Amino acid sequence: MNLQEAELNYPLGDTLPAPGRTLEIAPGVRWVRMALPFALDHINLWLLRDELDGQAGWTVVDCCIARDEAKAQWEEVFASSLEGLPVLRVMVTHMHPDHIGLAHWLCQRWTTSEHTCRLWISATDFNAARVASQSTTGFGGAAAADFFASHGLSDPESIEKIRARASYYPSMVPDVPRSFRRLQDGDQVRIGGRDWQCIAGYGHAPEHISLFCPELKLLISGDMVLPRISTNISVYDVEPESNPLQLFLSSIERLRRLPQDTRVLPSHGKPFTGLHRRIDQLHEHHRERLADVLQACAERPRTAAEMLPVLFKRKLDLHQTTFAMGEAVAHLHALWYEGRLRRERGADGVWRFAAG
């Protein structure tokens, strides 16, 4: 446990749900944990006891990527934890593959002639996922390779591997439901006799929706607030001049209005309390990283690729490098939009950022 984690409280200690099983963490709220084939090796998913249109059942929150192992785990959960009741709807916090990958399969799996198991998600993320599942976005393909090259990633092997990953997103999100129910900031959704408030967040995904239940003092935070790691905040080729870090920091600040004793159910890591302190930690983290970037750029003009060893002290594989490049551009852009850095494109077509 690092020093920042020690400032948080983990009510369940080191207890985790067993594979294919659930762990009840509040009345009608169950925790599911599934493996991911990445360095970030798991995702937390949630089952909420529900009643919809007079029918008893469950709401699923987030899905895991589309792969046979995850489907098999879901089938174990259905057999062991649903008490013979159906899944009535699937809520997705945002469009990233580990959250929406199996939404289409789940909705089909639980739709009957009497009831449509509907996807509930923000309109922005629904449409982004639909587009990405039919092509690619941000993580691979020619546009992503050219974007990273324009920010100084020069290793030919890495560029070619990124260029070859044109089907990266569709490989984990092969399809998205054709229809959905829109979630918007401020909406109140009745789930199992309790109200859950929708809180939109920006910077990590186009329109991320977290869910807060005042009665239970529970926040399903998705990826907006994680206990152990900082959420990835990236600039992507589809929006090459965005300022996601400013959006993210403003979004998490809005969560400070929730009660101090709110229990946070994050998508990665363990449920915790200490939301306000975690918000402080995230602000501190990014202030420190921005100071590091500003200092480096004061020495000489720098590309985003040259920021990787400044921002990340560990060796990165290709998967991590794509996220790290997006995050480096995000920090440079935050300072550029504030007027603390200026940017220039060189004769080689590469963007460099300098103080002033």
Foldseek 3Di string as FASTA:
>chain_A
DDPLLVLWFFPVPPDDADQLEWDDPDVQKTWHWDADPDPLGIWIKIWGFFADPNFTWIEIEFQAFDDPSSVVSVVSHVVHPGVPGAHQEYEFQAQALGGFRCRVVNQVVGDDPVGGHAYEYAPQRLVVNQVPLVWHWLQAADLQLVLLVQLPPDDVVLSVVRNVCGNVSNVRRNHGDPDHHHDDAQDWDQGHNFTWGWAWAFQLHHTGTWIATPVVLEIAPEQLFDSPDHRQGFAGSVRNLDQSVVRSLVRLVVVVPRDQQRWYNYTGDGIIGRSVSSNVVNVVLLVVLLVLVQVVQQVDWHGLVVCLVSNPVDDDDSSVVSSSSRRSVNSLSNCVVVVQWPWDQDPVSHITIHGD
